[in-house]
């Protein structure tokens, strides 16, 4: 089993050569400190970091032998929430945050949208508060939270 020696963030120039293999992971499996994973080609990979890391689609795991494995964010059952205006969306965001739900914020017209994991109880609350819910399947990359560290909660370590 190959160990992950380094993690290169999506779009970083030092990635160098292309990844020869990939992993498709949902949100929960992209937020770990230690986990054994199996790539699409069947290779076993061990992620063992001193602190939990947040992997994003497009990140590259550099293995001990120098080979690279691309992280792909798996589609998940989500709900995209919109409102009539930005103020309505902010109000919905406050209610979702008050329930400590992982939320992904998307820019756009009328204030943008919020994505959460599908949950019929929360969807009913959103509709009751005047929001609209659209079920989708898409990668989920919620905000890291106030205590995630590292700005947007990315990896929690440097790439030097």
Protein backbone atom coordinates (compact mmCIF):
# COMPACT_ATOMS: atom_id res chain seq x y z
CA UNK A 1 0.00 0.00 0.00
CA UNK A 2 1.40 3.38 -1.06
CA UNK A 3 1.35 6.24 1.46
CA UNK A 4 0.44 9.80 0.51
CA UNK A 5 3.63 11.87 0.76
CA UNK A 6 2.12 15.25 -0.22
CA UNK A 7 -1.12 16.87 -1.29
CA UNK A 8 -1.16 19.43 -4.09
CA UNK A 9 -4.15 21.74 -4.19
CA UNK A 10 -6.20 22.02 -7.36
CA UNK A 11 -4.59 24.42 -9.78
CA UNK A 12 -1.19 24.66 -8.05
CA UNK A 13 1.63 24.92 -10.60
CA UNK A 14 4.01 22.53 -8.81
CA UNK A 15 1.75 19.59 -9.61
CA UNK A 16 3.98 18.92 -12.63
CA UNK A 17 3.13 15.67 -14.37
CA UNK A 18 -0.42 14.50 -14.86
CA UNK A 19 -2.04 12.12 -12.41
CA UNK A 20 -1.98 8.52 -13.59
CA UNK A 21 -4.90 7.35 -11.46
CA UNK A 22 -7.86 8.82 -9.59
CA UNK A 23 -10.15 8.45 -6.61
CA UNK A 24 -13.84 9.36 -6.55
CA UNK A 25 -14.80 10.41 -3.02
CA UNK A 26 -17.90 11.90 -1.42
CA UNK A 27 -17.63 14.81 1.01
CA UNK A 28 -17.24 12.63 4.11
CA UNK A 29 -14.38 10.64 2.57
CA UNK A 30 -12.64 13.85 1.44
CA UNK A 31 -12.43 15.06 5.07
CA UNK A 32 -10.16 12.70 6.93
CA UNK A 33 -6.93 12.43 8.83
CA UNK A 34 -6.33 8.73 8.23
CA UNK A 35 -8.03 6.42 5.75
CA UNK A 36 -7.16 3.60 3.38
CA UNK A 37 -8.54 4.21 -0.10
CA UNK A 38 -8.78 2.26 -3.35
CA UNK A 39 -8.18 4.10 -6.63
CA UNK A 40 -10.21 3.53 -9.79
CA UNK A 41 -7.36 1.36 -11.10
CA UNK A 42 -7.48 -0.77 -7.92
CA UNK A 43 -4.35 0.55 -6.16
CA UNK A 44 -4.46 0.86 -2.37
CA UNK A 45 -3.48 4.26 -0.95
CA UNK A 46 -3.02 5.31 2.69
CA UNK A 47 -3.78 8.89 3.68
CA UNK A 48 -2.17 9.42 7.10
CA UNK A 49 -1.84 13.09 8.06
CA UNK A 50 -1.13 14.70 11.45
CA UNK A 51 -4.41 16.64 11.19
CA UNK A 52 -7.64 16.15 9.26
CA UNK A 53 -7.45 17.46 5.70
CA UNK A 54 -10.15 18.69 3.38
CA UNK A 55 -9.57 17.34 -0.11
CA UNK A 56 -11.31 19.01 -3.02
CA UNK A 57 -12.05 17.78 -6.50
CA UNK A 58 -8.94 18.41 -8.60
CA UNK A 59 -6.47 18.01 -5.73
CA UNK A 60 -3.60 15.60 -6.38
CA UNK A 61 -2.19 13.08 -3.92
CA UNK A 62 1.53 12.58 -4.49
CA UNK A 63 2.49 9.07 -3.38
CA UNK A 64 5.81 7.94 -1.88
CA UNK A 65 7.00 6.62 -5.24
CA UNK A 66 6.25 9.97 -6.94
CA UNK A 67 3.12 8.76 -8.72
CA UNK A 68 0.06 10.98 -8.59
CA UNK A 69 -3.60 10.30 -7.88
CA UNK A 70 -6.27 12.87 -8.80
CA UNK A 71 -9.12 13.43 -6.33
CA UNK A 72 -12.55 13.62 -7.94
CA UNK A 73 -15.54 14.81 -5.92
CA UNK A 74 -18.40 12.31 -6.20
CA UNK A 75 -21.92 13.44 -7.00
CA UNK A 76 -24.22 13.31 -3.98
CA UNK A 77 -27.96 13.76 -3.41
CA UNK A 78 -28.25 17.47 -2.64
CA UNK A 79 -30.83 20.22 -2.54
CA UNK A 80 -30.09 23.58 -4.12
CA UNK A 81 -31.93 26.31 -2.23
CA UNK A 82 -32.84 29.67 -3.73
CA UNK A 83 -34.98 32.61 -2.67
CA UNK A 84 -36.65 35.56 -4.34
CA UNK A 85 -33.86 37.95 -3.36
CA UNK A 86 -30.54 38.14 -1.52
CA UNK A 87 -32.20 39.08 1.79
CA UNK A 88 -34.42 36.01 1.63
CA UNK A 89 -31.42 33.78 0.95
CA UNK A 90 -29.50 35.30 3.87
CA UNK A 91 -32.48 34.59 6.13
CA UNK A 92 -32.53 30.96 4.95
CA UNK A 93 -28.75 30.71 5.47
CA UNK A 94 -29.20 31.92 9.04
CA UNK A 95 -31.80 29.22 9.75
CA UNK A 96 -29.60 26.50 8.20
CA UNK A 97 -26.57 27.70 10.16
CA UNK A 98 -28.62 27.72 13.34
CA UNK A 99 -29.07 23.96 12.77
CA UNK A 100 -25.31 23.50 12.20
CA UNK A 101 -25.86 22.01 8.75
CA UNK A 102 -22.95 21.83 6.34
CA UNK A 103 -23.78 24.32 3.58
CA UNK A 104 -22.19 25.21 0.28
CA UNK A 105 -22.61 28.82 -0.81
CA UNK A 106 -22.87 29.58 -4.53
CA UNK A 107 -22.74 33.06 -6.05
CA UNK A 108 -25.29 34.10 -8.62
CA UNK A 109 -28.24 36.33 -9.45
CA UNK A 110 -30.73 37.09 -6.68
CA UNK A 111 -28.07 36.35 -4.10
CA UNK A 112 -27.01 32.97 -5.46
CA UNK A 113 -27.92 29.62 -3.94
CA UNK A 114 -27.17 27.34 -1.02
CA UNK A 115 -26.57 23.61 -1.32
CA UNK A 116 -27.22 21.13 1.47
CA UNK A 117 -27.52 17.37 1.64
CA UNK A 118 -31.01 16.16 0.82
CA UNK A 119 -33.17 16.13 3.96
CA UNK A 120 -36.97 16.22 3.66
CA UNK A 121 -37.45 17.82 7.08
CA UNK A 122 -35.08 20.69 6.31
CA UNK A 123 -36.56 21.06 2.82
CA UNK A 124 -40.03 21.50 4.37
CA UNK A 125 -38.62 24.16 6.72
CA UNK A 126 -37.01 26.02 3.79
CA UNK A 127 -40.25 25.98 1.78
CA UNK A 128 -42.16 27.15 4.86
CA UNK A 129 -39.76 30.09 5.12
CA UNK A 130 -40.38 31.05 1.47
CA UNK A 131 -37.43 29.35 -0.15
CA UNK A 132 -37.35 27.05 -3.16
CA UNK A 133 -35.74 23.60 -3.16
CA UNK A 134 -34.38 21.91 -6.26
CA UNK A 135 -33.09 18.33 -5.83
CA UNK A 136 -29.80 17.77 -7.70
CA UNK A 137 -26.90 15.34 -7.87
CA UNK A 138 -23.60 17.22 -7.70
CA UNK A 139 -20.30 17.32 -5.82
CA UNK A 140 -20.70 18.76 -2.30
CA UNK A 141 -18.06 21.15 -0.97
CA UNK A 142 -19.51 23.04 2.01
CA UNK A 143 -17.90 25.88 3.91
CA UNK A 144 -15.25 24.80 6.41
CA UNK A 145 -16.75 26.65 9.36
CA UNK A 146 -15.37 29.21 11.77
CA UNK A 147 -12.93 26.79 13.41
CA UNK A 148 -11.68 24.93 10.33
CA UNK A 149 -8.48 26.99 10.03
CA UNK A 150 -6.55 27.57 6.84
CA UNK A 151 -8.89 30.20 5.42
CA UNK A 152 -11.51 28.17 3.56
CA UNK A 153 -10.72 25.00 5.51
CA UNK A 154 -8.64 23.63 2.66
CA UNK A 155 -5.89 21.22 3.68
CA UNK A 156 -4.80 22.47 7.09
CA UNK A 157 -1.12 22.14 6.13
CA UNK A 158 1.28 23.89 3.82
CA UNK A 159 2.66 22.54 0.60
CA UNK A 160 6.29 23.62 1.11
